[in-house]
Amino acid sequence: VMMAGSCDEAWGGEAMGFWALCFDARELWDEFEAELPGSTLRGE
């Protein structure tokens, strides 16, 4: 929940104070995969 309000899109501009897709906006998928290996793979 905190992540949804923790990026530039949620801290400024028209959506300031609302939530945003901050995980994607901050491009955290590489960091996510590095800390949790295999979490971004698809399928089985």
PDB file of all heavy atoms in Angstrom:
ATOM      1  N   VAL A   1       0.833  -1.199   0.000  1.00  0.00           N
ATOM      2  CA  VAL A   1       0.000   0.000   0.000  1.00  0.00           C
ATOM      3  C   VAL A   1       0.869   1.251   0.000  1.00  0.00           C
ATOM      4  O   VAL A   1       0.613   2.213  -0.742  1.00  0.00           O
ATOM      5  CB  VAL A   1      -0.947  -0.014   1.217  1.00  0.00           C
ATOM      6  CG1 VAL A   1      -1.737   1.293   1.304  1.00  0.00           C
ATOM      7  CG2 VAL A   1      -1.904  -1.198   1.142  1.00  0.00           C
ATOM      8  N   MET A   2       1.900   1.241   0.829  1.00  0.00           N
ATOM      9  CA  MET A   2       2.806   2.385   0.869  1.00  0.00           C
ATOM     10  C   MET A   2       3.500   2.591  -0.479  1.00  0.00           C
ATOM     11  O   MET A   2       3.694   3.727  -0.914  1.00  0.00           O
ATOM     12  CB  MET A   2       3.848   2.186   1.974  1.00  0.00           C
ATOM     13  CG  MET A   2       3.278   2.223   3.379  1.00  0.00           C
ATOM     14  SD  MET A   2       4.461   1.640   4.623  1.00  0.00           S
ATOM     15  CE  MET A   2       5.781   2.845   4.410  1.00  0.00           C
ATOM     16  N   MET A   3       3.842   1.496  -1.142  1.00  0.00           N
ATOM     17  CA  MET A   3       4.499   1.594  -2.443  1.00  0.00           C
ATOM     18  C   MET A   3       3.617   2.323  -3.451  1.00  0.00           C
ATOM     19  O   MET A   3       4.113   3.087  -4.292  1.00  0.00           O
ATOM     20  CB  MET A   3       4.841   0.197  -2.960  1.00  0.00           C
ATOM     21  CG  MET A   3       5.362   0.148  -4.380  1.00  0.00           C
ATOM     22  SD  MET A   3       6.871   1.102  -4.637  1.00  0.00           S
ATOM     23  CE  MET A   3       8.064  -0.001  -3.863  1.00  0.00           C
ATOM     24  N   ALA A   4       2.302   2.123  -3.373  1.00  0.00           N
ATOM     25  CA  ALA A   4       1.392   2.761  -4.329  1.00  0.00           C
ATOM     26  C   ALA A   4       1.389   4.280  -4.214  1.00  0.00           C
ATOM     27  O   ALA A   4       0.908   4.966  -5.123  1.00  0.00           O
ATOM     28  CB  ALA A   4      -0.028   2.221  -4.134  1.00  0.00           C
ATOM     29  N   GLY A   5       1.934   4.808  -3.128  1.00  0.00           N
ATOM     30  CA  GLY A   5       2.024   6.257  -2.981  1.00  0.00           C
ATOM     31  C   GLY A   5       3.447   6.755  -2.917  1.00  0.00           C
ATOM     32  O   GLY A   5       3.689   7.851  -2.391  1.00  0.00           O
ATOM     33  N   SER A   6       4.403   5.968  -3.431  1.00  0.00           N
ATOM     34  CA  SER A   6       5.818   6.302  -3.257  1.00  0.00           C
ATOM     35  C   SER A   6       6.546   6.418  -4.591  1.00  0.00           C
ATOM     36  O   SER A   6       7.453   5.629  -4.903  1.00  0.00           O
ATOM     37  CB  SER A   6       6.494   5.243  -2.375  1.00  0.00           C
ATOM     38  OG  SER A   6       5.893   5.195  -1.099  1.00  0.00           O
ATOM     39  N   CYS A   7       6.152   7.390  -5.382  1.00  0.00           N
ATOM     40  CA  CYS A   7       6.850   7.675  -6.638  1.00  0.00           C
ATOM     41  C   CYS A   7       6.504   9.093  -7.073  1.00  0.00           C
ATOM     42  O   CYS A   7       5.603   9.729  -6.508  1.00  0.00           O
ATOM     43  CB  CYS A   7       6.480   6.665  -7.722  1.00  0.00           C
ATOM     44  SG  CYS A   7       4.717   6.625  -8.151  1.00  0.00           S
ATOM     45  N   ASP A   8       7.195   9.573  -8.073  1.00  0.00           N
ATOM     46  CA  ASP A   8       6.996  10.958  -8.533  1.00  0.00           C
ATOM     47  C   ASP A   8       5.555  11.196  -8.977  1.00  0.00           C
ATOM     48  O   ASP A   8       5.006  12.284  -8.767  1.00  0.00           O
ATOM     49  CB  ASP A   8       7.946  11.266  -9.689  1.00  0.00           C
ATOM     50  CG  ASP A   8       9.401  11.287  -9.251  1.00  0.00           C
ATOM     51  OD1 ASP A   8       9.658  11.327  -8.027  1.00  0.00           O
ATOM     52  OD2 ASP A   8      10.288  11.248 -10.133  1.00  0.00           O
ATOM     53  N   GLU A   9       4.946  10.187  -9.613  1.00  0.00           N
ATOM     54  CA  GLU A   9       3.581  10.344 -10.105  1.00  0.00           C
ATOM     55  C   GLU A   9       2.591  10.594  -8.971  1.00  0.00           C
ATOM     56  O   GLU A   9       1.588  11.289  -9.166  1.00  0.00           O
ATOM     57  CB  GLU A   9       3.165   9.096 -10.893  1.00  0.00           C
ATOM     58  CG  GLU A   9       3.833   8.963 -12.248  1.00  0.00           C
ATOM     59  CD  GLU A   9       5.258   8.441 -12.161  1.00  0.00           C
ATOM     60  OE1 GLU A   9       5.758   8.212 -11.044  1.00  0.00           O
ATOM     61  OE2 GLU A   9       5.869   8.251 -13.222  1.00  0.00           O
ATOM     62  N   ALA A  10       2.842  10.030  -7.793  1.00  0.00           N
ATOM     63  CA  ALA A  10       1.942  10.207  -6.653  1.00  0.00           C
ATOM     64  C   ALA A  10       2.348  11.376  -5.763  1.00  0.00           C
ATOM     65  O   ALA A  10       1.582  11.761  -4.875  1.00  0.00           O
ATOM     66  CB  ALA A  10       1.899   8.917  -5.814  1.00  0.00           C
ATOM     67  N   TRP A  11       3.519  11.937  -6.002  1.00  0.00           N
ATOM     68  CA  TRP A  11       4.013  13.044  -5.178  1.00  0.00           C
ATOM     69  C   TRP A  11       3.969  14.380  -5.913  1.00  0.00           C
ATOM     70  O   TRP A  11       4.400  15.402  -5.374  1.00  0.00           O
ATOM     71  CB  TRP A  11       5.452  12.763  -4.727  1.00  0.00           C
ATOM     72  CG  TRP A  11       5.517  11.844  -3.536  1.00  0.00           C
ATOM     73  CD1 TRP A  11       4.908  10.643  -3.399  1.00  0.00           C
ATOM     74  CD2 TRP A  11       6.267  12.061  -2.336  1.00  0.00           C
ATOM     75  NE1 TRP A  11       5.206  10.084  -2.188  1.00  0.00           N
ATOM     76  CE2 TRP A  11       6.047  10.933  -1.512  1.00  0.00           C
ATOM     77  CE3 TRP A  11       7.102  13.071  -1.875  1.00  0.00           C
ATOM     78  CZ2 TRP A  11       6.628  10.798  -0.250  1.00  0.00           C
ATOM     79  CZ3 TRP A  11       7.691  12.944  -0.614  1.00  0.00           C
ATOM     80  CH2 TRP A  11       7.461  11.824   0.191  1.00  0.00           C
ATOM     81  N   GLY A  12       3.476  14.386  -7.116  1.00  0.00           N
ATOM     82  CA  GLY A  12       3.407  15.637  -7.862  1.00  0.00           C
ATOM     83  C   GLY A  12       2.482  15.495  -9.051  1.00  0.00           C
ATOM     84  O   GLY A  12       1.945  14.420  -9.335  1.00  0.00           O
ATOM     85  N   GLY A  13       2.266  16.592  -9.741  1.00  0.00           N
ATOM     86  CA  GLY A  13       1.414  16.555 -10.916  1.00  0.00           C
ATOM     87  C   GLY A  13      -0.056  16.441 -10.577  1.00  0.00           C
ATOM     88  O   GLY A  13      -0.492  16.673  -9.453  1.00  0.00           O
ATOM     89  N   GLU A  14      -0.836  16.035 -11.572  1.00  0.00           N
ATOM     90  CA  GLU A  14      -2.281  15.974 -11.419  1.00  0.00           C
ATOM     91  C   GLU A  14      -2.714  14.955 -10.385  1.00  0.00           C
ATOM     92  O   GLU A  14      -3.723  15.137  -9.699  1.00  0.00           O
ATOM     93  CB  GLU A  14      -2.919  15.636 -12.778  1.00  0.00           C
ATOM     94  CG  GLU A  14      -4.432  15.712 -12.805  1.00  0.00           C
ATOM     95  CD  GLU A  14      -4.978  17.112 -12.625  1.00  0.00           C
ATOM     96  OE1 GLU A  14      -4.187  18.078 -12.757  1.00  0.00           O
ATOM     97  OE2 GLU A  14      -6.180  17.266 -12.353  1.00  0.00           O
ATOM     98  N   ALA A  15      -1.963  13.856 -10.239  1.00  0.00           N
ATOM     99  CA  ALA A  15      -2.343  12.786  -9.310  1.00  0.00           C
ATOM    100  C   ALA A  15      -1.728  12.941  -7.931  1.00  0.00           C
ATOM    101  O   ALA A  15      -1.788  12.013  -7.120  1.00  0.00           O
ATOM    102  CB  ALA A  15      -1.956  11.435  -9.895  1.00  0.00           C
ATOM    103  N   MET A  16      -1.164  14.074  -7.618  1.00  0.00           N
ATOM    104  CA  MET A  16      -0.529  14.281  -6.322  1.00  0.00           C
ATOM    105  C   MET A  16      -1.498  13.964  -5.184  1.00  0.00           C
ATOM    106  O   MET A  16      -2.615  14.451  -5.140  1.00  0.00           O
ATOM    107  CB  MET A  16      -0.053  15.726  -6.204  1.00  0.00           C
ATOM    108  CG  MET A  16       0.647  16.050  -4.906  1.00  0.00           C
ATOM    109  SD  MET A  16       1.204  17.779  -4.899  1.00  0.00           S
ATOM    110  CE  MET A  16       1.973  17.896  -3.296  1.00  0.00           C
ATOM    111  N   GLY A  17      -1.052  13.121  -4.266  1.00  0.00           N
ATOM    112  CA  GLY A  17      -1.871  12.742  -3.122  1.00  0.00           C
ATOM    113  C   GLY A  17      -2.690  11.495  -3.345  1.00  0.00           C
ATOM    114  O   GLY A  17      -3.237  10.937  -2.392  1.00  0.00           O
ATOM    115  N   PHE A  18      -2.802  11.041  -4.606  1.00  0.00           N
ATOM    116  CA  PHE A  18      -3.541   9.823  -4.926  1.00  0.00           C
ATOM    117  C   PHE A  18      -2.533   8.688  -5.072  1.00  0.00           C
ATOM    118  O   PHE A  18      -1.356   8.833  -4.794  1.00  0.00           O
ATOM    119  CB  PHE A  18      -4.328  10.038  -6.225  1.00  0.00           C
ATOM    120  CG  PHE A  18      -5.471   9.064  -6.436  1.00  0.00           C
ATOM    121  CD1 PHE A  18      -6.594   9.128  -5.620  1.00  0.00           C
ATOM    122  CD2 PHE A  18      -5.409   8.117  -7.437  1.00  0.00           C
ATOM    123  CE1 PHE A  18      -7.650   8.254  -5.812  1.00  0.00           C
ATOM    124  CE2 PHE A  18      -6.462   7.237  -7.645  1.00  0.00           C
ATOM    125  CZ  PHE A  18      -7.580   7.301  -6.825  1.00  0.00           C
ATOM    126  N   TRP A  19      -2.985   7.516  -5.486  1.00  0.00           N
ATOM    127  CA  TRP A  19      -2.064   6.406  -5.690  1.00  0.00           C
ATOM    128  C   TRP A  19      -1.696   6.287  -7.158  1.00  0.00           C
ATOM    129  O   TRP A  19      -2.350   6.851  -8.030  1.00  0.00           O
ATOM    130  CB  TRP A  19      -2.661   5.093  -5.186  1.00  0.00           C
ATOM    131  CG  TRP A  19      -3.923   4.623  -5.858  1.00  0.00           C
ATOM    132  CD1 TRP A  19      -5.201   4.887  -5.468  1.00  0.00           C
ATOM    133  CD2 TRP A  19      -4.024   3.791  -7.021  1.00  0.00           C
ATOM    134  NE1 TRP A  19      -6.098   4.290  -6.321  1.00  0.00           N
ATOM    135  CE2 TRP A  19      -5.401   3.601  -7.286  1.00  0.00           C
ATOM    136  CE3 TRP A  19      -3.106   3.189  -7.879  1.00  0.00           C
ATOM    137  CZ2 TRP A  19      -5.864   2.842  -8.360  1.00  0.00           C
ATOM    138  CZ3 TRP A  19      -3.562   2.432  -8.950  1.00  0.00           C
ATOM    139  CH2 TRP A  19      -4.932   2.264  -9.172  1.00  0.00           C
ATOM    140  N   ALA A  20      -0.624   5.562  -7.410  1.00  0.00           N
ATOM    141  CA  ALA A  20      -0.165   5.345  -8.782  1.00  0.00           C
ATOM    142  C   ALA A  20       0.472   3.956  -8.869  1.00  0.00           C
ATOM    143  O   ALA A  20       0.685   3.284  -7.857  1.00  0.00           O
ATOM    144  CB  ALA A  20       0.841   6.427  -9.184  1.00  0.00           C
ATOM    145  N   LEU A  21       0.789   3.535 -10.076  1.00  0.00           N
ATOM    146  CA  LEU A  21       1.484   2.261 -10.286  1.00  0.00           C
ATOM    147  C   LEU A  21       2.978   2.500 -10.091  1.00  0.00           C
ATOM    148  O   LEU A  21       3.787   2.454 -11.026  1.00  0.00           O
ATOM    149  CB  LEU A  21       1.188   1.720 -11.682  1.00  0.00           C
ATOM    150  CG  LEU A  21      -0.295   1.430 -11.961  1.00  0.00           C
ATOM    151  CD1 LEU A  21      -0.487   1.006 -13.412  1.00  0.00           C
ATOM    152  CD2 LEU A  21      -0.810   0.343 -11.017  1.00  0.00           C
ATOM    153  N   CYS A  22       3.340   2.741  -8.834  1.00  0.00           N
ATOM    154  CA  CYS A  22       4.688   3.211  -8.527  1.00  0.00           C
ATOM    155  C   CYS A  22       5.752   2.141  -8.738  1.00  0.00           C
ATOM    156  O   CYS A  22       6.898   2.458  -9.072  1.00  0.00           O
ATOM    157  CB  CYS A  22       4.745   3.729  -7.092  1.00  0.00           C
ATOM    158  SG  CYS A  22       3.811   5.259  -6.843  1.00  0.00           S
ATOM    159  N   PHE A  23       5.408   0.893  -8.527  1.00  0.00           N
ATOM    160  CA  PHE A  23       6.378  -0.181  -8.736  1.00  0.00           C
ATOM    161  C   PHE A  23       6.869  -0.164 -10.186  1.00  0.00           C
ATOM    162  O   PHE A  23       8.067  -0.211 -10.453  1.00  0.00           O
ATOM    163  CB  PHE A  23       5.745  -1.534  -8.400  1.00  0.00           C
ATOM    164  CG  PHE A  23       6.727  -2.661  -8.250  1.00  0.00           C
ATOM    165  CD1 PHE A  23       7.168  -3.056  -7.009  1.00  0.00           C
ATOM    166  CD2 PHE A  23       7.218  -3.323  -9.369  1.00  0.00           C
ATOM    167  CE1 PHE A  23       8.080  -4.098  -6.867  1.00  0.00           C
ATOM    168  CE2 PHE A  23       8.122  -4.359  -9.254  1.00  0.00           C
ATOM    169  CZ  PHE A  23       8.557  -4.751  -7.990  1.00  0.00           C
ATOM    170  N   ASP A  24       5.913  -0.056 -11.113  1.00  0.00           N
ATOM    171  CA  ASP A  24       6.276   0.001 -12.531  1.00  0.00           C
ATOM    172  C   ASP A  24       6.935   1.327 -12.875  1.00  0.00           C
ATOM    173  O   ASP A  24       7.906   1.371 -13.645  1.00  0.00           O
ATOM    174  CB  ASP A  24       5.050  -0.212 -13.406  1.00  0.00           C
ATOM    175  CG  ASP A  24       4.513  -1.634 -13.316  1.00  0.00           C
ATOM    176  OD1 ASP A  24       5.324  -2.561 -13.101  1.00  0.00           O
ATOM    177  OD2 ASP A  24       3.295  -1.828 -13.443  1.00  0.00           O
ATOM    178  N   ALA A  25       6.402   2.415 -12.324  1.00  0.00           N
ATOM    179  CA  ALA A  25       6.938   3.734 -12.651  1.00  0.00           C
ATOM    180  C   ALA A  25       8.406   3.858 -12.238  1.00  0.00           C
ATOM    181  O   ALA A  25       9.201   4.526 -12.918  1.00  0.00           O
ATOM    182  CB  ALA A  25       6.102   4.815 -11.971  1.00  0.00           C
ATOM    183  N   ARG A  26       8.772   3.200 -11.149  1.00  0.00           N
ATOM    184  CA  ARG A  26      10.156   3.273 -10.668  1.00  0.00           C
ATOM    185  C   ARG A  26      11.025   2.160 -11.252  1.00  0.00           C
ATOM    186  O   ARG A  26      12.212   2.057 -10.913  1.00  0.00           O
ATOM    187  CB  ARG A  26      10.159   3.220  -9.140  1.00  0.00           C
ATOM    188  CG  ARG A  26       9.569   4.460  -8.491  1.00  0.00           C
ATOM    189  CD  ARG A  26       9.372   4.289  -6.993  1.00  0.00           C
ATOM    190  NE  ARG A  26      10.627   4.031  -6.306  1.00  0.00           N
ATOM    191  CZ  ARG A  26      10.707   3.770  -4.995  1.00  0.00           C
ATOM    192  NH1 ARG A  26       9.588   3.739  -4.262  1.00  0.00           N
ATOM    193  NH2 ARG A  26      11.867   3.538  -4.423  1.00  0.00           N
ATOM    194  N   GLU A  27      10.437   1.320 -12.088  1.00  0.00           N
ATOM    195  CA  GLU A  27      11.166   0.240 -12.760  1.00  0.00           C
ATOM    196  C   GLU A  27      11.957  -0.598 -11.759  1.00  0.00           C
ATOM    197  O   GLU A  27      13.184  -0.769 -11.850  1.00  0.00           O
ATOM    198  CB  GLU A  27      12.091   0.815 -13.831  1.00  0.00           C
ATOM    199  CG  GLU A  27      11.337   1.591 -14.908  1.00  0.00           C
ATOM    200  CD  GLU A  27      12.260   2.159 -15.977  1.00  0.00           C
ATOM    201  OE1 GLU A  27      13.486   2.232 -15.733  1.00  0.00           O
ATOM    202  OE2 GLU A  27      11.760   2.526 -17.058  1.00  0.00           O
ATOM    203  N   LEU A  28      11.235  -1.168 -10.820  1.00  0.00           N
ATOM    204  CA  LEU A  28      11.860  -1.934  -9.740  1.00  0.00           C
ATOM    205  C   LEU A  28      11.936  -3.434 -10.018  1.00  0.00           C
ATOM    206  O   LEU A  28      12.319  -4.209  -9.138  1.00  0.00           O
ATOM    207  CB  LEU A  28      11.087  -1.702  -8.445  1.00  0.00           C
ATOM    208  CG  LEU A  28      11.187  -0.303  -7.842  1.00  0.00           C
ATOM    209  CD1 LEU A  28      10.232  -0.154  -6.656  1.00  0.00           C
ATOM    210  CD2 LEU A  28      12.617  -0.024  -7.392  1.00  0.00           C
ATOM    211  N   TRP A  29      11.585  -3.851 -11.227  1.00  0.00           N
ATOM    212  CA  TRP A  29      11.552  -5.284 -11.498  1.00  0.00           C
ATOM    213  C   TRP A  29      12.939  -5.921 -11.405  1.00  0.00           C
ATOM    214  O   TRP A  29      13.069  -7.058 -10.924  1.00  0.00           O
ATOM    215  CB  TRP A  29      10.932  -5.547 -12.872  1.00  0.00           C
ATOM    216  CG  TRP A  29       9.452  -5.310 -12.876  1.00  0.00           C
ATOM    217  CD1 TRP A  29       8.790  -4.272 -13.464  1.00  0.00           C
ATOM    218  CD2 TRP A  29       8.467  -6.123 -12.244  1.00  0.00           C
ATOM    219  NE1 TRP A  29       7.434  -4.381 -13.231  1.00  0.00           N
ATOM    220  CE2 TRP A  29       7.210  -5.517 -12.490  1.00  0.00           C
ATOM    221  CE3 TRP A  29       8.509  -7.297 -11.484  1.00  0.00           C
ATOM    222  CZ2 TRP A  29       6.020  -6.042 -12.012  1.00  0.00           C
ATOM    223  CZ3 TRP A  29       7.325  -7.834 -11.004  1.00  0.00           C
ATOM    224  CH2 TRP A  29       6.097  -7.202 -11.279  1.00  0.00           C
ATOM    225  N   ASP A  30      13.962  -5.235 -11.833  1.00  0.00           N
ATOM    226  CA  ASP A  30      15.310  -5.797 -11.739  1.00  0.00           C
ATOM    227  C   ASP A  30      15.731  -5.972 -10.288  1.00  0.00           C
ATOM    228  O   ASP A  30      16.316  -7.008  -9.916  1.00  0.00           O
ATOM    229  CB  ASP A  30      16.316  -4.898 -12.473  1.00  0.00           C
ATOM    230  CG  ASP A  30      16.150  -4.954 -13.984  1.00  0.00           C
ATOM    231  OD1 ASP A  30      15.501  -5.900 -14.478  1.00  0.00           O
ATOM    232  OD2 ASP A  30      16.632  -4.028 -14.675  1.00  0.00           O
ATOM    233  N   GLU A  31      15.448  -4.975  -9.462  1.00  0.00           N
ATOM    234  CA  GLU A  31      15.775  -5.080  -8.044  1.00  0.00           C
ATOM    235  C   GLU A  31      14.963  -6.197  -7.381  1.00  0.00           C
ATOM    236  O   GLU A  31      15.473  -6.927  -6.520  1.00  0.00           O
ATOM    237  CB  GLU A  31      15.494  -3.746  -7.334  1.00  0.00           C
ATOM    238  CG  GLU A  31      16.463  -2.630  -7.683  1.00  0.00           C
ATOM    239  CD  GLU A  31      16.053  -1.864  -8.942  1.00  0.00           C
ATOM    240  OE1 GLU A  31      15.166  -2.361  -9.674  1.00  0.00           O
ATOM    241  OE2 GLU A  31      16.624  -0.790  -9.195  1.00  0.00           O
ATOM    242  N   PHE A  32      13.720  -6.322  -7.805  1.00  0.00           N
ATOM    243  CA  PHE A  32      12.852  -7.373  -7.262  1.00  0.00           C
ATOM    244  C   PHE A  32      13.412  -8.759  -7.602  1.00  0.00           C
ATOM    245  O   PHE A  32      13.490  -9.653  -6.744  1.00  0.00           O
ATOM    246  CB  PHE A  32      11.444  -7.205  -7.840  1.00  0.00           C
ATOM    247  CG  PHE A  32      10.383  -8.020  -7.166  1.00  0.00           C
ATOM    248  CD1 PHE A  32      10.106  -7.854  -5.821  1.00  0.00           C
ATOM    249  CD2 PHE A  32       9.651  -8.961  -7.879  1.00  0.00           C
ATOM    250  CE1 PHE A  32       9.123  -8.604  -5.187  1.00  0.00           C
ATOM    251  CE2 PHE A  32       8.667  -9.716  -7.268  1.00  0.00           C
ATOM    252  CZ  PHE A  32       8.403  -9.537  -5.923  1.00  0.00           C
ATOM    253  N   GLU A  33      13.827  -8.932  -8.834  1.00  0.00           N
ATOM    254  CA  GLU A  33      14.394 -10.217  -9.259  1.00  0.00           C
ATOM    255  C   GLU A  33      15.719 -10.488  -8.550  1.00  0.00           C
ATOM    256  O   GLU A  33      16.017 -11.637  -8.183  1.00  0.00           O
ATOM    257  CB  GLU A  33      14.593 -10.218 -10.777  1.00  0.00           C
ATOM    258  CG  GLU A  33      15.300 -11.442 -11.325  1.00  0.00           C
ATOM    259  CD  GLU A  33      14.496 -12.722 -11.160  1.00  0.00           C
ATOM    260  OE1 GLU A  33      13.250 -12.649 -11.021  1.00  0.00           O
ATOM    261  OE2 GLU A  33      15.121 -13.811 -11.160  1.00  0.00           O
ATOM    262  N   ALA A  34      16.508  -9.434  -8.327  1.00  0.00           N
ATOM    263  CA  ALA A  34      17.800  -9.625  -7.661  1.00  0.00           C
ATOM    264  C   ALA A  34      17.624 -10.091  -6.217  1.00  0.00           C
ATOM    265  O   ALA A  34      18.382 -10.946  -5.737  1.00  0.00           O
ATOM    266  CB  ALA A  34      18.602  -8.323  -7.712  1.00  0.00           C
ATOM    267  N   GLU A  35      16.628  -9.544  -5.524  1.00  0.00           N
ATOM    268  CA  GLU A  35      16.396  -9.923  -4.124  1.00  0.00           C
ATOM    269  C   GLU A  35      15.584 -11.199  -4.000  1.00  0.00           C
ATOM    270  O   GLU A  35      15.750 -11.957  -3.039  1.00  0.00           O
ATOM    271  CB  GLU A  35      15.696  -8.778  -3.382  1.00  0.00           C
ATOM    272  CG  GLU A  35      16.568  -7.559  -3.186  1.00  0.00           C
ATOM    273  CD  GLU A  35      16.039  -6.640  -2.083  1.00  0.00           C
ATOM    274  OE1 GLU A  35      15.313  -7.128  -1.188  1.00  0.00           O
ATOM    275  OE2 GLU A  35      16.372  -5.436  -2.129  1.00  0.00           O
ATOM    276  N   LEU A  36      14.699 -11.441  -4.976  1.00  0.00           N
ATOM    277  CA  LEU A  36      13.843 -12.634  -4.937  1.00  0.00           C
ATOM    278  C   LEU A  36      13.993 -13.359  -6.271  1.00  0.00           C
ATOM    279  O   LEU A  36      13.142 -13.252  -7.153  1.00  0.00           O
ATOM    280  CB  LEU A  36      12.382 -12.231  -4.688  1.00  0.00           C
ATOM    281  CG  LEU A  36      12.101 -11.386  -3.442  1.00  0.00           C
ATOM    282  CD1 LEU A  36      10.646 -10.981  -3.382  1.00  0.00           C
ATOM    283  CD2 LEU A  36      12.482 -12.147  -2.190  1.00  0.00           C
ATOM    284  N   PRO A  37      15.070 -14.099  -6.445  1.00  0.00           N
ATOM    285  CA  PRO A  37      15.362 -14.743  -7.735  1.00  0.00           C
ATOM    286  C   PRO A  37      14.226 -15.650  -8.201  1.00  0.00           C
ATOM    287  O   PRO A  37      13.667 -16.427  -7.427  1.00  0.00           O
ATOM    288  CB  PRO A  37      16.629 -15.561  -7.433  1.00  0.00           C
ATOM    289  CG  PRO A  37      17.248 -14.883  -6.255  1.00  0.00           C
ATOM    290  CD  PRO A  37      16.106 -14.368  -5.440  1.00  0.00           C
ATOM    291  N   GLY A  38      13.898 -15.513  -9.462  1.00  0.00           N
ATOM    292  CA  GLY A  38      12.859 -16.332 -10.063  1.00  0.00           C
ATOM    293  C   GLY A  38      11.463 -15.767  -9.933  1.00  0.00           C
ATOM    294  O   GLY A  38      10.511 -16.293 -10.527  1.00  0.00           O
ATOM    295  N   SER A  39      11.320 -14.672  -9.205  1.00  0.00           N
ATOM    296  CA  SER A  39       9.986 -14.113  -8.960  1.00  0.00           C
ATOM    297  C   SER A  39       9.388 -13.447 -10.186  1.00  0.00           C
ATOM    298  O   SER A  39       8.165 -13.292 -10.274  1.00  0.00           O
ATOM    299  CB  SER A  39      10.044 -13.103  -7.813  1.00  0.00           C
ATOM    300  OG  SER A  39      10.955 -12.064  -8.111  1.00  0.00           O
ATOM    301  N   THR A  40      10.208 -13.044 -11.144  1.00  0.00           N
ATOM    302  CA  THR A  40       9.686 -12.356 -12.326  1.00  0.00           C
ATOM    303  C   THR A  40       9.548 -13.289 -13.529  1.00  0.00           C
ATOM    304  O   THR A  40       9.132 -12.839 -14.604  1.00  0.00           O
ATOM    305  CB  THR A  40      10.605 -11.179 -12.712  1.00  0.00           C
ATOM    306  OG1 THR A  40      11.901 -11.694 -13.064  1.00  0.00           O
ATOM    307  CG2 THR A  40      10.736 -10.199 -11.565  1.00  0.00           C
ATOM    308  N   LEU A  41       9.901 -14.550 -13.367  1.00  0.00           N
ATOM    309  CA  LEU A  41       9.750 -15.501 -14.469  1.00  0.00           C
ATOM    310  C   LEU A  41       8.276 -15.799 -14.714  1.00  0.00           C
ATOM    311  O   LEU A  41       7.431 -15.514 -13.862  1.00  0.00           O
ATOM    312  CB  LEU A  41      10.503 -16.795 -14.147  1.00  0.00           C
ATOM    313  CG  LEU A  41      12.016 -16.660 -13.943  1.00  0.00           C
ATOM    314  CD1 LEU A  41      12.611 -18.012 -13.574  1.00  0.00           C
ATOM    315  CD2 LEU A  41      12.689 -16.104 -15.196  1.00  0.00           C
ATOM    316  N   ARG A  42       7.979 -16.376 -15.848  1.00  0.00           N
ATOM    317  CA  ARG A  42       6.589 -16.690 -16.182  1.00  0.00           C
ATOM    318  C   ARG A  42       6.391 -18.204 -16.213  1.00  0.00           C
ATOM    319  O   ARG A  42       7.327 -18.983 -16.378  1.00  0.00           O
ATOM    320  CB  ARG A  42       6.216 -16.075 -17.535  1.00  0.00           C
ATOM    321  CG  ARG A  42       6.259 -14.548 -17.541  1.00  0.00           C
ATOM    322  CD  ARG A  42       5.773 -13.992 -18.864  1.00  0.00           C
ATOM    323  NE  ARG A  42       5.807 -12.536 -18.875  1.00  0.00           N
ATOM    324  CZ  ARG A  42       4.849 -11.755 -18.391  1.00  0.00           C
ATOM    325  NH1 ARG A  42       3.767 -12.301 -17.864  1.00  0.00           N
ATOM    326  NH2 ARG A  42       4.959 -10.443 -18.445  1.00  0.00           N
ATOM    327  N   GLY A  43       5.114 -18.578 -16.067  1.00  0.00           N
ATOM    328  CA  GLY A  43       4.762 -19.983 -16.141  1.00  0.00           C
ATOM    329  C   GLY A  43       5.182 -20.766 -14.914  1.00  0.00           C
ATOM    330  O   GLY A  43       5.370 -20.215 -13.822  1.00  0.00           O
ATOM    331  N   GLU A  44       5.392 -22.061 -15.101  1.00  0.00           N
ATOM    332  CA  GLU A  44       5.684 -22.939 -13.978  1.00  0.00           C
ATOM    333  C   GLU A  44       7.061 -22.682 -13.378  1.00  0.00           C
ATOM    334  O   GLU A  44       7.320 -23.067 -12.230  1.00  0.00           O
ATOM    335  CB  GLU A  44       5.588 -24.401 -14.425  1.00  0.00           C
ATOM    336  CG  GLU A  44       4.173 -24.819 -14.819  1.00  0.00           C
ATOM    337  CD  GLU A  44       4.093 -26.290 -15.183  1.00  0.00           C
ATOM    338  OE1 GLU A  44       5.159 -26.958 -15.144  1.00  0.00           O
ATOM    339  OE2 GLU A  44       2.992 -26.764 -15.512  1.00  0.00           O
TER     340      GLU A  44
END
